[in-house]
Amino acid sequence: MLPLGVGAWLVTRKLSSAPQLSHWQNLLEVLVVNLRDQIQQTSGQNPDRYLPFIGMLGVADRSMNQIEERIEGS
């Protein structure tokens, strides 16, 4: 959980709306826009309601896969 928290803090600590975006912010925005588009195309509804839930499912899935790989690698 600590690596997720630190990673989230590092990526979001200097968010801006200026024309010059950091590489991390640009990556984060690309991921969010693509996820929103996929939700919109799949459900045909406004993705704002589902975005946090589906995003968290993705983070949880990735985290569990990382944990499983570390356990099996031990």
Protein backbone atom coordinates (compact mmCIF):
# COMPACT_ATOMS: atom_id res chain seq x y z
CA MET A 1 0.00 0.00 0.00
CA LEU A 2 2.86 2.35 0.77
CA PRO A 3 4.32 2.16 -2.78
CA LEU A 4 0.88 3.01 -4.22
CA GLY A 5 0.54 6.02 -1.94
CA VAL A 6 4.04 7.28 -2.67
CA GLY A 7 3.56 6.73 -6.40
CA ALA A 8 0.26 8.60 -6.40
CA TRP A 9 1.83 11.47 -4.48
CA LEU A 10 4.79 11.67 -6.86
CA VAL A 11 2.60 11.70 -9.96
CA THR A 12 0.05 14.23 -8.66
CA ARG A 13 2.15 16.60 -6.56
CA LYS A 14 2.78 19.17 -9.30
CA LEU A 15 -0.36 19.05 -11.42
CA SER A 16 -0.97 22.20 -13.43
CA SER A 17 -3.21 23.57 -16.15
CA ALA A 18 -0.35 25.41 -17.85
CA PRO A 19 0.42 24.65 -21.49
CA GLN A 20 3.68 22.95 -20.47
CA LEU A 21 2.79 19.69 -18.66
CA SER A 22 5.17 17.31 -16.95
CA HIS A 23 5.69 13.88 -18.50
CA TRP A 24 3.92 12.22 -15.55
CA GLN A 25 0.90 14.49 -15.81
CA ASN A 26 0.72 13.92 -19.55
CA LEU A 27 0.82 10.13 -19.01
CA LEU A 28 -1.84 10.33 -16.30
CA GLU A 29 -4.14 12.40 -18.50
CA VAL A 30 -3.72 10.01 -21.43
CA LEU A 31 -4.68 7.07 -19.19
CA VAL A 32 -7.73 8.84 -17.76
CA VAL A 33 -8.95 10.06 -21.16
CA ASN A 34 -8.58 6.58 -22.67
CA LEU A 35 -10.40 4.98 -19.73
CA ARG A 36 -13.22 7.54 -20.02
CA ASP A 37 -13.52 6.88 -23.76
CA GLN A 38 -13.70 3.13 -23.21
CA ILE A 39 -16.39 3.49 -20.56
CA GLN A 40 -18.37 5.83 -22.84
CA GLN A 41 -18.12 3.47 -25.83
CA THR A 42 -18.99 0.38 -23.82
CA SER A 43 -21.85 1.70 -21.69
CA GLY A 44 -23.11 4.57 -23.82
CA GLN A 45 -23.47 6.59 -20.62
CA ASN A 46 -21.63 9.44 -18.94
CA PRO A 47 -18.36 7.89 -17.69
CA ASP A 48 -17.96 10.26 -14.70
CA ARG A 49 -20.12 8.01 -12.52
CA TYR A 50 -18.08 4.87 -13.24
CA LEU A 51 -14.55 6.25 -13.68
CA PRO A 52 -13.43 6.10 -10.02
CA PHE A 53 -14.78 2.58 -9.53
CA ILE A 54 -13.28 1.11 -12.70
CA GLY A 55 -10.01 2.96 -12.16
CA MET A 56 -9.75 1.54 -8.66
CA LEU A 57 -10.49 -1.96 -9.97
CA GLY A 58 -7.55 -1.55 -12.35
CA VAL A 59 -5.24 -0.37 -9.57
CA ALA A 60 -6.33 -3.21 -7.28
CA ASP A 61 -5.88 -5.80 -10.04
CA ARG A 62 -2.38 -4.55 -10.88
CA SER A 63 -1.43 -4.48 -7.20
CA MET A 64 -2.63 -8.01 -6.60
CA ASN A 65 -0.71 -9.24 -9.64
CA GLN A 66 2.47 -7.60 -8.32
CA ILE A 67 1.98 -9.17 -4.89
CA GLU A 68 1.33 -12.59 -6.43
CA GLU A 69 4.51 -12.34 -8.53
CA ARG A 70 6.57 -11.48 -5.47
CA ILE A 71 5.11 -14.35 -3.46
CA GLU A 72 5.68 -16.88 -6.24
CA GLY A 73 9.19 -15.54 -6.84
CA SER A 74 10.20 -16.07 -3.19
